[in-house]
Amino acid sequence: MKCLTVIRKLAGACLIAAITPAAQAAWPDDQPIEVVVGFAPGGGTDLMARSLAPFIQKRLGGKARVVVINKPGASGEIANAYVARAKADGYTLGIINVPGFVFLPLSKKTQYHVEDFTLLARIVNDPTVLVAKRDAKYATLGQTVDALKKDPGSLSFGYNGVGTNGHLALIQLQAIAKVEANDVPFKGTAESKTALMGGHVDYAFVSAAEMPELRSATASLKAVAQFGEQRSKALPNVPTAAEAGYKMTMTSERGFAAPRGMSAEIAARLQKAIAESVADPEFIKIASNDAPVLSYLSGADWEASLAKQRPALQAIADRMPK
C-alpha cells in the first residue's frame, strides 16, 4: 500500500509539473498590459496612448494585449499613485505628463514620488500655447501683458488643472511680466476650450497637439503665443514668448513609465517595442496631431532631462502660497 501511495504522489507531482508551464504563460501573454492615463478620454494624453497601443502590442508579439484605462483626477496624481502602487511585473504602465509629474510632489504632499517610477520613453514634447478667440481685443502677448499692467486681474486665463503645463506657464508669465491675472483651473483641455469659446474666460493655455484646428486661418480660435524654446513645426507662424520679450519656456512632455523594480528584461522589451512603434510610418500617419511634436527620448535620457528641469520647477513651487 505504501508503495502504491508513493507512486500515486509521484505521478501527481509529475502531472502538475507537466501542466504548470502550459497553464502559466510567460509575460506578456497571460494577461492584458494596462496603460493608465490620468486624464479623461478624448484629450491629447489619451489619444496618444490609444494610437500607440496597437503598435506596441504588435511588436511585443505572441498573445500580448495592450489596453488603455483612464483614471482622471487631481491633475494626474490619482493615476500616478495607482501605477506607483502596482506590481512591477510589466502589466501596469502609466502615461506621465511633465511638468505635473515632477511638479506636484515638489509643491505638496502627494500619493507618489518620482523615484517610484522607471521611465521607459518620452513620446512628445508639446509646446504650451496661449489661445484666444479670433476676434479677441488683444492680438499679441505684448498687448495682453500691457492690458494686465494697466488693469490687474482684468483678464481671465483658463488651463487644464493645477500643476499642469498651462498652470505653470501662467505662473511664470505673471512672475516675469510682473502682472496679475485671473486664473481659472479646469479639469482638462476640453473643458477650458469650451469655456473659452463660450466667452467665460478670455484666454486658455493648451498644448499644441490638443488643438490641431489652430493651424487653420479660419478657425474660431487663434494662437497668440507659444512657449517652446523655438517655433514648433505645428505652429510655425506663431511667435514664441521669448520673441515677445518674455524669456520663458513651458512644454507638455508625455511618455511611458512603469513601477520601479521591473526586471531589466521586461523593461528592455517594452522600450524596444515603444521606440519601434514611434518610428513606424503608419503610426506617424494616423497620429497626425502628434506628428509635429513627436520628440522621442529613451527612458534614461528622459530621466536625465527631468533632473535638469527640477531646479526651475522647485523655484516655481517655492513661490506658490502654502
C-alpha atoms as a PDB file:
ATOM      1  CA  MET A   1       0.000   0.000   0.000  1.00  0.00           C
ATOM      2  CA  LYS A   2       2.759   2.390   0.963  1.00  0.00           C
ATOM      3  CA  CYS A   3       4.488   1.709  -2.329  1.00  0.00           C
ATOM      4  CA  LEU A   4       1.256   2.383  -4.246  1.00  0.00           C
ATOM      5  CA  THR A   5       0.689   5.650  -2.352  1.00  0.00           C
ATOM      6  CA  VAL A   6       4.197   6.847  -3.149  1.00  0.00           C
ATOM      7  CA  ILE A   7       3.734   6.013  -6.822  1.00  0.00           C
ATOM      8  CA  ARG A   8       0.454   7.934  -6.924  1.00  0.00           C
ATOM      9  CA  LYS A   9       2.069  11.001  -5.299  1.00  0.00           C
ATOM     10  CA  LEU A  10       4.962  10.901  -7.731  1.00  0.00           C
ATOM     11  CA  ALA A  11       2.581  10.574 -10.658  1.00  0.00           C
ATOM     12  CA  GLY A  12       0.560  13.547  -9.396  1.00  0.00           C
ATOM     13  CA  ALA A  13       3.673  15.654  -8.982  1.00  0.00           C
ATOM     14  CA  CYS A  14       4.805  14.817 -12.490  1.00  0.00           C
ATOM     15  CA  LEU A  15       1.373  15.716 -13.863  1.00  0.00           C
ATOM     16  CA  ILE A  16       1.413  19.108 -12.111  1.00  0.00           C
ATOM     17  CA  ALA A  17       4.921  19.780 -13.370  1.00  0.00           C
ATOM     18  CA  ALA A  18       3.838  18.936 -16.890  1.00  0.00           C
ATOM     19  CA  ILE A  19       0.732  21.128 -16.756  1.00  0.00           C
ATOM     20  CA  THR A  20       2.160  24.195 -14.977  1.00  0.00           C
ATOM     21  CA  PRO A  21       4.373  25.587 -17.799  1.00  0.00           C
ATOM     22  CA  ALA A  22       1.491  25.423 -20.259  1.00  0.00           C
ATOM     23  CA  ALA A  23      -1.016  26.901 -17.823  1.00  0.00           C
ATOM     24  CA  GLN A  24       1.192  29.802 -16.747  1.00  0.00           C
ATOM     25  CA  ALA A  25       2.221  31.645 -19.877  1.00  0.00           C
ATOM     26  CA  ALA A  26       5.199  33.981 -19.667  1.00  0.00           C
ATOM     27  CA  TRP A  27       4.950  37.784 -19.894  1.00  0.00           C
ATOM     28  CA  PRO A  28       3.304  39.352 -21.823  1.00  0.00           C
ATOM     29  CA  ASP A  29       0.904  36.581 -22.833  1.00  0.00           C
ATOM     30  CA  ASP A  30      -1.046  35.695 -19.694  1.00  0.00           C
ATOM     31  CA  GLN A  31      -2.972  38.939 -19.037  1.00  0.00           C
ATOM     32  CA  PRO A  32      -3.547  42.389 -20.599  1.00  0.00           C
ATOM     33  CA  ILE A  33      -0.984  45.141 -20.169  1.00  0.00           C
ATOM     34  CA  GLU A  34      -2.764  48.184 -18.723  1.00  0.00           C
ATOM     35  CA  VAL A  35      -1.668  51.636 -19.868  1.00  0.00           C
ATOM     36  CA  VAL A  36      -3.053  54.080 -17.310  1.00  0.00           C
ATOM     37  CA  VAL A  37      -3.941  57.630 -18.387  1.00  0.00           C
ATOM     38  CA  GLY A  38      -4.535  60.280 -15.734  1.00  0.00           C
ATOM     39  CA  PHE A  39      -6.890  62.394 -17.820  1.00  0.00           C
ATOM     40  CA  ALA A  40     -10.314  61.929 -19.373  1.00  0.00           C
ATOM     41  CA  PRO A  41     -10.889  60.136 -22.693  1.00  0.00           C
ATOM     42  CA  GLY A  42     -10.511  62.290 -25.771  1.00  0.00           C
ATOM     43  CA  GLY A  43      -7.678  64.510 -24.548  1.00  0.00           C
ATOM     44  CA  GLY A  44      -4.188  64.650 -26.013  1.00  0.00           C
ATOM     45  CA  THR A  45      -2.707  62.202 -23.497  1.00  0.00           C
ATOM     46  CA  ASP A  46      -5.499  59.684 -24.011  1.00  0.00           C
ATOM     47  CA  LEU A  47      -5.377  59.874 -27.803  1.00  0.00           C
ATOM     48  CA  MET A  48      -1.605  59.419 -27.856  1.00  0.00           C
ATOM     49  CA  ALA A  49      -1.853  56.307 -25.683  1.00  0.00           C
ATOM     50  CA  ARG A  50      -4.668  54.789 -27.728  1.00  0.00           C
ATOM     51  CA  SER A  51      -2.990  55.436 -31.068  1.00  0.00           C
ATOM     52  CA  LEU A  52       0.276  53.831 -29.906  1.00  0.00           C
ATOM     53  CA  ALA A  53      -1.215  50.844 -28.066  1.00  0.00           C
ATOM     54  CA  PRO A  54      -1.870  48.583 -31.090  1.00  0.00           C
ATOM     55  CA  PHE A  55       1.613  49.219 -32.480  1.00  0.00           C
ATOM     56  CA  ILE A  56       3.250  48.313 -29.169  1.00  0.00           C
ATOM     57  CA  GLN A  57       1.045  45.234 -28.902  1.00  0.00           C
ATOM     58  CA  LYS A  58       2.085  44.098 -32.377  1.00  0.00           C
ATOM     59  CA  ARG A  59       5.785  44.447 -31.593  1.00  0.00           C
ATOM     60  CA  LEU A  60       5.547  42.585 -28.312  1.00  0.00           C
ATOM     61  CA  GLY A  61       4.135  39.703 -30.316  1.00  0.00           C
ATOM     62  CA  GLY A  62       2.593  36.473 -29.122  1.00  0.00           C
ATOM     63  CA  LYS A  63      -0.675  36.916 -27.280  1.00  0.00           C
ATOM     64  CA  ALA A  64       0.188  40.362 -25.911  1.00  0.00           C
ATOM     65  CA  ARG A  65      -2.774  42.678 -25.343  1.00  0.00           C
ATOM     66  CA  VAL A  66      -2.339  46.375 -24.564  1.00  0.00           C
ATOM     67  CA  VAL A  67      -5.376  48.208 -23.184  1.00  0.00           C
ATOM     68  CA  VAL A  68      -5.762  51.849 -22.160  1.00  0.00           C
ATOM     69  CA  ILE A  69      -7.660  52.726 -18.994  1.00  0.00           C
ATOM     70  CA  ASN A  70      -8.485  56.209 -17.718  1.00  0.00           C
ATOM     71  CA  LYS A  71      -8.173  57.285 -14.097  1.00  0.00           C
ATOM     72  CA  PRO A  72      -8.667  61.061 -14.300  1.00  0.00           C
ATOM     73  CA  GLY A  73      -8.449  63.484 -11.430  1.00  0.00           C
ATOM     74  CA  ALA A  74      -6.102  65.582  -9.313  1.00  0.00           C
ATOM     75  CA  SER A  75      -4.028  66.661 -12.331  1.00  0.00           C
ATOM     76  CA  GLY A  76      -2.833  63.104 -12.921  1.00  0.00           C
ATOM     77  CA  GLU A  77      -1.993  62.280  -9.301  1.00  0.00           C
ATOM     78  CA  ILE A  78      -4.649  59.567  -8.991  1.00  0.00           C
ATOM     79  CA  ALA A  79      -3.291  57.668 -11.993  1.00  0.00           C
ATOM     80  CA  ASN A  80       0.328  58.176 -10.973  1.00  0.00           C
ATOM     81  CA  ALA A  81      -0.376  56.803  -7.493  1.00  0.00           C
ATOM     82  CA  TYR A  82      -2.170  53.795  -8.983  1.00  0.00           C
ATOM     83  CA  VAL A  83       0.817  52.948 -11.164  1.00  0.00           C
ATOM     84  CA  ALA A  84       3.310  53.540  -8.349  1.00  0.00           C
ATOM     85  CA  ARG A  85       1.469  51.020  -6.139  1.00  0.00           C
ATOM     86  CA  ALA A  86       1.123  48.384  -8.871  1.00  0.00           C
ATOM     87  CA  LYS A  87       3.300  45.298  -9.131  1.00  0.00           C
ATOM     88  CA  ALA A  88       6.441  45.872 -11.185  1.00  0.00           C
ATOM     89  CA  ASP A  89       5.601  42.897 -13.385  1.00  0.00           C
ATOM     90  CA  GLY A  90       5.187  44.631 -16.735  1.00  0.00           C
ATOM     91  CA  TYR A  91       1.397  44.519 -16.690  1.00  0.00           C
ATOM     92  CA  THR A  92       0.823  48.080 -15.457  1.00  0.00           C
ATOM     93  CA  LEU A  93       2.299  51.082 -17.257  1.00  0.00           C
ATOM     94  CA  GLY A  94       1.488  54.763 -16.950  1.00  0.00           C
ATOM     95  CA  ILE A  95       1.448  57.717 -19.287  1.00  0.00           C
ATOM     96  CA  ILE A  96       3.067  60.512 -17.311  1.00  0.00           C
ATOM     97  CA  ASN A  97       2.730  64.192 -18.074  1.00  0.00           C
ATOM     98  CA  VAL A  98       5.585  66.572 -17.376  1.00  0.00           C
ATOM     99  CA  PRO A  99       5.807  69.106 -15.763  1.00  0.00           C
ATOM    100  CA  GLY A 100       2.958  67.967 -13.499  1.00  0.00           C
ATOM    101  CA  PHE A 101       4.516  64.573 -12.754  1.00  0.00           C
ATOM    102  CA  VAL A 102       7.616  66.276 -11.323  1.00  0.00           C
ATOM    103  CA  PHE A 103       5.986  69.455 -10.028  1.00  0.00           C
ATOM    104  CA  LEU A 104       3.166  68.055  -7.893  1.00  0.00           C
ATOM    105  CA  PRO A 105       5.450  66.287  -5.359  1.00  0.00           C
ATOM    106  CA  LEU A 106       7.540  69.471  -5.129  1.00  0.00           C
ATOM    107  CA  SER A 107       4.552  71.649  -4.306  1.00  0.00           C
ATOM    108  CA  LYS A 108       2.565  69.440  -1.918  1.00  0.00           C
ATOM    109  CA  LYS A 109       2.373  66.046  -0.260  1.00  0.00           C
ATOM    110  CA  THR A 110       1.371  63.531  -2.926  1.00  0.00           C
ATOM    111  CA  GLN A 111       0.471  59.846  -3.038  1.00  0.00           C
ATOM    112  CA  TYR A 112       3.532  59.073  -5.174  1.00  0.00           C
ATOM    113  CA  HIS A 113       7.161  60.088  -5.587  1.00  0.00           C
ATOM    114  CA  VAL A 114       9.082  60.477  -8.831  1.00  0.00           C
ATOM    115  CA  GLU A 115      11.507  57.857  -7.507  1.00  0.00           C
ATOM    116  CA  ASP A 116       8.677  55.278  -7.519  1.00  0.00           C
ATOM    117  CA  PHE A 117       8.930  55.012 -11.317  1.00  0.00           C
ATOM    118  CA  THR A 118      11.172  53.743 -14.084  1.00  0.00           C
ATOM    119  CA  LEU A 119      10.833  55.928 -17.174  1.00  0.00           C
ATOM    120  CA  LEU A 120      10.583  53.970 -20.417  1.00  0.00           C
ATOM    121  CA  ALA A 121      10.333  56.619 -23.143  1.00  0.00           C
ATOM    122  CA  ARG A 122       9.266  60.170 -23.891  1.00  0.00           C
ATOM    123  CA  ILE A 123       6.992  60.353 -26.917  1.00  0.00           C
ATOM    124  CA  VAL A 124       6.149  64.035 -27.402  1.00  0.00           C
ATOM    125  CA  ASN A 125       7.411  67.434 -26.317  1.00  0.00           C
ATOM    126  CA  ASP A 126       4.404  69.620 -26.976  1.00  0.00           C
ATOM    127  CA  PRO A 127       4.664  73.422 -26.676  1.00  0.00           C
ATOM    128  CA  THR A 128       2.220  75.225 -24.433  1.00  0.00           C
ATOM    129  CA  VAL A 129       0.144  77.723 -26.403  1.00  0.00           C
ATOM    130  CA  LEU A 130      -1.831  80.767 -25.296  1.00  0.00           C
ATOM    131  CA  VAL A 131      -5.140  80.721 -27.171  1.00  0.00           C
ATOM    132  CA  ALA A 132      -7.873  83.327 -27.616  1.00  0.00           C
ATOM    133  CA  LYS A 133     -10.995  83.785 -29.711  1.00  0.00           C
ATOM    134  CA  ARG A 134     -10.197  85.029 -33.185  1.00  0.00           C
ATOM    135  CA  ASP A 135     -11.887  88.371 -32.501  1.00  0.00           C
ATOM    136  CA  ALA A 136     -10.091  88.884 -29.164  1.00  0.00           C
ATOM    137  CA  LYS A 137      -9.409  92.502 -28.231  1.00  0.00           C
ATOM    138  CA  TYR A 138      -5.688  91.893 -27.707  1.00  0.00           C
ATOM    139  CA  ALA A 139      -3.981  90.124 -30.587  1.00  0.00           C
ATOM    140  CA  THR A 140      -0.457  89.648 -29.216  1.00  0.00           C
ATOM    141  CA  LEU A 141       1.194  88.565 -25.992  1.00  0.00           C
ATOM    142  CA  GLY A 142       2.654  92.046 -25.585  1.00  0.00           C
ATOM    143  CA  GLN A 143      -0.766  93.682 -25.848  1.00  0.00           C
ATOM    144  CA  THR A 144      -2.189  91.184 -23.365  1.00  0.00           C
ATOM    145  CA  VAL A 145       0.543  91.908 -20.820  1.00  0.00           C
ATOM    146  CA  ASP A 146       0.115  95.671 -21.278  1.00  0.00           C
ATOM    147  CA  ALA A 147      -3.611  95.328 -20.579  1.00  0.00           C
ATOM    148  CA  LEU A 148      -2.896  93.444 -17.350  1.00  0.00           C
ATOM    149  CA  LYS A 149      -0.393  96.075 -16.252  1.00  0.00           C
ATOM    150  CA  LYS A 150      -2.991  98.793 -16.721  1.00  0.00           C
ATOM    151  CA  ASP A 151      -5.764  96.823 -15.047  1.00  0.00           C
ATOM    152  CA  PRO A 152      -4.516  93.920 -12.875  1.00  0.00           C
ATOM    153  CA  GLY A 153      -6.773  90.865 -12.845  1.00  0.00           C
ATOM    154  CA  SER A 154      -8.912  92.184 -15.693  1.00  0.00           C
ATOM    155  CA  LEU A 155      -8.278  89.200 -17.984  1.00  0.00           C
ATOM    156  CA  SER A 156      -9.082  85.572 -17.170  1.00  0.00           C
ATOM    157  CA  PHE A 157      -6.939  82.589 -18.178  1.00  0.00           C
ATOM    158  CA  GLY A 158      -8.164  79.001 -18.221  1.00  0.00           C
ATOM    159  CA  TYR A 159      -5.878  75.978 -18.024  1.00  0.00           C
ATOM    160  CA  ASN A 160      -6.060  72.216 -17.717  1.00  0.00           C
ATOM    161  CA  GLY A 161      -5.571  71.666 -13.981  1.00  0.00           C
ATOM    162  CA  VAL A 162      -3.377  72.678 -11.068  1.00  0.00           C
ATOM    163  CA  GLY A 163       0.286  71.849 -11.612  1.00  0.00           C
ATOM    164  CA  THR A 164      -0.087  71.269 -15.349  1.00  0.00           C
ATOM    165  CA  ASN A 165       1.910  72.963 -18.092  1.00  0.00           C
ATOM    166  CA  GLY A 166      -0.863  75.522 -18.601  1.00  0.00           C
ATOM    167  CA  HIS A 167      -0.946  76.429 -14.926  1.00  0.00           C
ATOM    168  CA  LEU A 168       2.837  76.749 -14.663  1.00  0.00           C
ATOM    169  CA  ALA A 169       3.020  78.799 -17.860  1.00  0.00           C
ATOM    170  CA  LEU A 170       0.604  81.307 -16.329  1.00  0.00           C
ATOM    171  CA  ILE A 171       2.573  81.416 -13.058  1.00  0.00           C
ATOM    172  CA  GLN A 172       5.802  82.032 -14.971  1.00  0.00           C
ATOM    173  CA  LEU A 173       4.284  84.713 -17.179  1.00  0.00           C
ATOM    174  CA  GLN A 174       2.902  86.616 -14.198  1.00  0.00           C
ATOM    175  CA  ALA A 175       6.270  86.483 -12.419  1.00  0.00           C
ATOM    176  CA  ILE A 176       8.353  87.526 -15.424  1.00  0.00           C
ATOM    177  CA  ALA A 177       5.978  90.209 -16.723  1.00  0.00           C
ATOM    178  CA  LYS A 178       5.097  91.372 -13.193  1.00  0.00           C
ATOM    179  CA  VAL A 179       1.356  91.238 -13.806  1.00  0.00           C
ATOM    180  CA  GLU A 180      -1.659  89.774 -12.049  1.00  0.00           C
ATOM    181  CA  ALA A 181      -4.144  87.627 -13.960  1.00  0.00           C
ATOM    182  CA  ASN A 182      -7.427  85.973 -13.061  1.00  0.00           C
ATOM    183  CA  ASP A 183      -6.606  82.255 -13.242  1.00  0.00           C
ATOM    184  CA  VAL A 184      -9.340  79.649 -13.756  1.00  0.00           C
ATOM    185  CA  PRO A 185      -8.426  75.944 -13.446  1.00  0.00           C
ATOM    186  CA  PHE A 186     -10.436  73.312 -15.321  1.00  0.00           C
ATOM    187  CA  LYS A 187     -10.422  69.504 -15.287  1.00  0.00           C
ATOM    188  CA  GLY A 188      -8.957  69.264 -18.771  1.00  0.00           C
ATOM    189  CA  THR A 189      -8.319  70.986 -22.073  1.00  0.00           C
ATOM    190  CA  ALA A 190     -11.750  70.161 -23.493  1.00  0.00           C
ATOM    191  CA  GLU A 191     -13.439  71.948 -20.594  1.00  0.00           C
ATOM    192  CA  SER A 192     -11.207  75.017 -20.794  1.00  0.00           C
ATOM    193  CA  LYS A 193     -11.687  75.184 -24.569  1.00  0.00           C
ATOM    194  CA  THR A 194     -15.469  75.120 -24.130  1.00  0.00           C
ATOM    195  CA  ALA A 195     -15.238  77.928 -21.575  1.00  0.00           C
ATOM    196  CA  LEU A 196     -13.097  79.986 -23.941  1.00  0.00           C
ATOM    197  CA  MET A 197     -15.443  79.539 -26.884  1.00  0.00           C
ATOM    198  CA  GLY A 198     -18.391  80.413 -24.650  1.00  0.00           C
ATOM    199  CA  GLY A 199     -16.759  83.642 -23.504  1.00  0.00           C
ATOM    200  CA  HIS A 200     -16.390  82.513 -19.886  1.00  0.00           C
ATOM    201  CA  VAL A 201     -12.619  83.104 -19.963  1.00  0.00           C
ATOM    202  CA  ASP A 202     -10.571  85.457 -22.125  1.00  0.00           C
ATOM    203  CA  TYR A 203      -7.679  83.083 -22.829  1.00  0.00           C
ATOM    204  CA  ALA A 204      -6.721  79.456 -22.362  1.00  0.00           C
ATOM    205  CA  PHE A 205      -3.372  77.726 -22.082  1.00  0.00           C
ATOM    206  CA  VAL A 206      -3.338  74.469 -24.068  1.00  0.00           C
ATOM    207  CA  SER A 207      -0.861  72.079 -25.658  1.00  0.00           C
ATOM    208  CA  ALA A 208      -0.415  72.495 -29.409  1.00  0.00           C
ATOM    209  CA  ALA A 209      -1.244  68.898 -30.351  1.00  0.00           C
ATOM    210  CA  GLU A 210      -4.531  69.044 -28.442  1.00  0.00           C
ATOM    211  CA  MET A 211      -5.912  71.731 -30.753  1.00  0.00           C
ATOM    212  CA  PRO A 212      -4.902  70.995 -34.360  1.00  0.00           C
ATOM    213  CA  GLU A 213      -7.511  73.484 -35.554  1.00  0.00           C
ATOM    214  CA  LEU A 214      -5.120  76.273 -34.540  1.00  0.00           C
ATOM    215  CA  ARG A 215      -3.217  75.549 -37.756  1.00  0.00           C
ATOM    216  CA  SER A 216      -6.187  76.827 -39.759  1.00  0.00           C
ATOM    217  CA  ALA A 217      -6.542  80.533 -40.501  1.00  0.00           C
ATOM    218  CA  THR A 218     -10.333  80.174 -40.466  1.00  0.00           C
ATOM    219  CA  ALA A 219     -10.671  78.551 -37.026  1.00  0.00           C
ATOM    220  CA  SER A 220     -12.752  80.322 -34.389  1.00  0.00           C
ATOM    221  CA  LEU A 221      -9.761  80.280 -32.019  1.00  0.00           C
ATOM    222  CA  LYS A 222      -6.236  81.539 -32.620  1.00  0.00           C
ATOM    223  CA  ALA A 223      -2.827  81.025 -31.046  1.00  0.00           C
ATOM    224  CA  VAL A 224      -1.474  84.231 -29.515  1.00  0.00           C
ATOM    225  CA  ALA A 225       1.923  82.876 -28.460  1.00  0.00           C
ATOM    226  CA  GLN A 226       3.724  79.601 -27.899  1.00  0.00           C
ATOM    227  CA  PHE A 227       6.078  78.772 -25.054  1.00  0.00           C
ATOM    228  CA  GLY A 228       8.649  76.424 -26.567  1.00  0.00           C
ATOM    229  CA  GLU A 229      12.323  77.303 -26.981  1.00  0.00           C
ATOM    230  CA  GLN A 230      11.664  77.820 -30.678  1.00  0.00           C
ATOM    231  CA  ARG A 231       8.688  77.862 -33.007  1.00  0.00           C
ATOM    232  CA  SER A 232       7.103  74.431 -33.260  1.00  0.00           C
ATOM    233  CA  LYS A 233       6.586  72.708 -36.598  1.00  0.00           C
ATOM    234  CA  ALA A 234       2.952  72.517 -35.547  1.00  0.00           C
ATOM    235  CA  LEU A 235       2.654  76.332 -35.435  1.00  0.00           C
ATOM    236  CA  PRO A 236       5.473  77.842 -37.496  1.00  0.00           C
ATOM    237  CA  ASN A 237       3.760  81.234 -37.817  1.00  0.00           C
ATOM    238  CA  VAL A 238       3.085  81.744 -34.113  1.00  0.00           C
ATOM    239  CA  PRO A 239       5.765  83.728 -32.220  1.00  0.00           C
ATOM    240  CA  THR A 240       7.358  82.400 -29.056  1.00  0.00           C
ATOM    241  CA  ALA A 241       7.121  84.180 -25.724  1.00  0.00           C
ATOM    242  CA  ALA A 242      10.844  84.910 -25.984  1.00  0.00           C
ATOM    243  CA  GLU A 243      10.268  86.715 -29.282  1.00  0.00           C
ATOM    244  CA  ALA A 244       7.799  88.952 -27.447  1.00  0.00           C
ATOM    245  CA  GLY A 245      10.426  89.731 -24.819  1.00  0.00           C
ATOM    246  CA  TYR A 246       9.473  87.202 -22.131  1.00  0.00           C
ATOM    247  CA  LYS A 247      12.242  84.638 -21.705  1.00  0.00           C
ATOM    248  CA  MET A 248      10.347  81.572 -20.559  1.00  0.00           C
ATOM    249  CA  THR A 249       9.541  78.115 -21.848  1.00  0.00           C
ATOM    250  CA  MET A 250       6.882  75.611 -20.878  1.00  0.00           C
ATOM    251  CA  THR A 251       6.021  72.429 -22.735  1.00  0.00           C
ATOM    252  CA  SER A 252       3.993  69.290 -22.109  1.00  0.00           C
ATOM    253  CA  GLU A 253       6.090  66.141 -22.260  1.00  0.00           C
ATOM    254  CA  ARG A 254       4.206  62.857 -22.418  1.00  0.00           C
ATOM    255  CA  GLY A 255       5.584  59.352 -22.298  1.00  0.00           C
ATOM    256  CA  PHE A 256       5.618  55.903 -20.722  1.00  0.00           C
ATOM    257  CA  ALA A 257       6.683  54.889 -17.223  1.00  0.00           C
ATOM    258  CA  ALA A 258       6.450  51.771 -15.078  1.00  0.00           C
ATOM    259  CA  PRO A 259       6.602  50.991 -11.361  1.00  0.00           C
ATOM    260  CA  ARG A 260      10.178  50.946 -10.077  1.00  0.00           C
ATOM    261  CA  GLY A 261      11.604  47.431  -9.787  1.00  0.00           C
ATOM    262  CA  MET A 262      10.599  45.976 -13.150  1.00  0.00           C
ATOM    263  CA  SER A 263      13.003  43.331 -14.437  1.00  0.00           C
ATOM    264  CA  ALA A 264      15.644  44.575 -16.865  1.00  0.00           C
ATOM    265  CA  GLU A 265      14.496  42.044 -19.464  1.00  0.00           C
ATOM    266  CA  ILE A 266      10.862  43.201 -19.479  1.00  0.00           C
ATOM    267  CA  ALA A 267      11.881  46.875 -19.409  1.00  0.00           C
ATOM    268  CA  ALA A 268      14.163  46.337 -22.413  1.00  0.00           C
ATOM    269  CA  ARG A 269      11.411  44.605 -24.395  1.00  0.00           C
ATOM    270  CA  LEU A 270       8.957  47.401 -23.649  1.00  0.00           C
ATOM    271  CA  GLN A 271      11.461  50.118 -24.516  1.00  0.00           C
ATOM    272  CA  LYS A 272      12.267  48.431 -27.816  1.00  0.00           C
ATOM    273  CA  ALA A 273       8.587  47.985 -28.698  1.00  0.00           C
ATOM    274  CA  ILE A 274       7.798  51.621 -27.869  1.00  0.00           C
ATOM    275  CA  ALA A 275      10.783  53.016 -29.789  1.00  0.00           C
ATOM    276  CA  GLU A 276       9.943  50.980 -32.888  1.00  0.00           C
ATOM    277  CA  SER A 277       6.272  51.964 -32.673  1.00  0.00           C
ATOM    278  CA  VAL A 278       7.009  55.694 -32.509  1.00  0.00           C
ATOM    279  CA  ALA A 279       9.193  55.406 -35.617  1.00  0.00           C
ATOM    280  CA  ASP A 280       6.605  53.386 -37.558  1.00  0.00           C
ATOM    281  CA  PRO A 281       5.456  55.402 -40.615  1.00  0.00           C
ATOM    282  CA  GLU A 282       1.948  54.021 -40.191  1.00  0.00           C
ATOM    283  CA  PHE A 283       1.762  55.356 -36.624  1.00  0.00           C
ATOM    284  CA  ILE A 284       3.062  58.757 -37.724  1.00  0.00           C
ATOM    285  CA  LYS A 285       0.400  58.797 -40.426  1.00  0.00           C
ATOM    286  CA  ILE A 286      -2.537  58.110 -38.108  1.00  0.00           C
ATOM    287  CA  ALA A 287      -1.209  60.256 -35.255  1.00  0.00           C
ATOM    288  CA  SER A 288      -1.352  63.414 -37.340  1.00  0.00           C
ATOM    289  CA  ASN A 289      -1.959  65.681 -34.340  1.00  0.00           C
ATOM    290  CA  ASP A 290       1.114  64.385 -32.508  1.00  0.00           C
ATOM    291  CA  ALA A 291       3.384  64.077 -35.548  1.00  0.00           C
ATOM    292  CA  PRO A 292       4.686  67.694 -35.447  1.00  0.00           C
ATOM    293  CA  VAL A 293       5.572  67.380 -31.752  1.00  0.00           C
ATOM    294  CA  LEU A 294       6.980  63.838 -31.668  1.00  0.00           C
ATOM    295  CA  SER A 295      10.238  64.007 -29.741  1.00  0.00           C
ATOM    296  CA  TYR A 296      11.358  60.543 -28.668  1.00  0.00           C
ATOM    297  CA  LEU A 297      13.810  60.116 -25.811  1.00  0.00           C
ATOM    298  CA  SER A 298      14.916  56.861 -24.232  1.00  0.00           C
ATOM    299  CA  GLY A 299      13.944  56.349 -20.614  1.00  0.00           C
ATOM    300  CA  ALA A 300      17.469  57.049 -19.372  1.00  0.00           C
ATOM    301  CA  ASP A 301      17.785  60.237 -21.425  1.00  0.00           C
ATOM    302  CA  TRP A 302      14.374  61.413 -20.269  1.00  0.00           C
ATOM    303  CA  GLU A 303      15.277  60.868 -16.620  1.00  0.00           C
ATOM    304  CA  ALA A 304      18.434  62.941 -17.142  1.00  0.00           C
ATOM    305  CA  SER A 305      16.401  65.701 -18.813  1.00  0.00           C
ATOM    306  CA  LEU A 306      13.888  65.816 -15.957  1.00  0.00           C
ATOM    307  CA  ALA A 307      16.681  66.066 -13.408  1.00  0.00           C
ATOM    308  CA  LYS A 308      17.859  69.237 -15.178  1.00  0.00           C
ATOM    309  CA  GLN A 309      14.333  70.694 -15.124  1.00  0.00           C
ATOM    310  CA  ARG A 310      13.803  70.049 -11.437  1.00  0.00           C
ATOM    311  CA  PRO A 311      15.507  73.222 -10.050  1.00  0.00           C
ATOM    312  CA  ALA A 312      13.327  75.524 -12.177  1.00  0.00           C
ATOM    313  CA  LEU A 313      10.180  73.662 -11.133  1.00  0.00           C
ATOM    314  CA  GLN A 314      11.281  73.779  -7.499  1.00  0.00           C
ATOM    315  CA  ALA A 315      11.666  77.560  -7.793  1.00  0.00           C
ATOM    316  CA  ILE A 316       8.082  77.853  -9.055  1.00  0.00           C
ATOM    317  CA  ALA A 317       6.845  75.605  -6.248  1.00  0.00           C
ATOM    318  CA  ASP A 318       8.657  77.742  -3.673  1.00  0.00           C
ATOM    319  CA  ARG A 319       6.838  80.863  -4.915  1.00  0.00           C
ATOM    320  CA  MET A 320       3.398  79.320  -4.533  1.00  0.00           C
ATOM    321  CA  PRO A 321       1.354  80.063  -1.400  1.00  0.00           C
ATOM    322  CA  LYS A 322       1.472  77.233   1.114  1.00  0.00           C
END
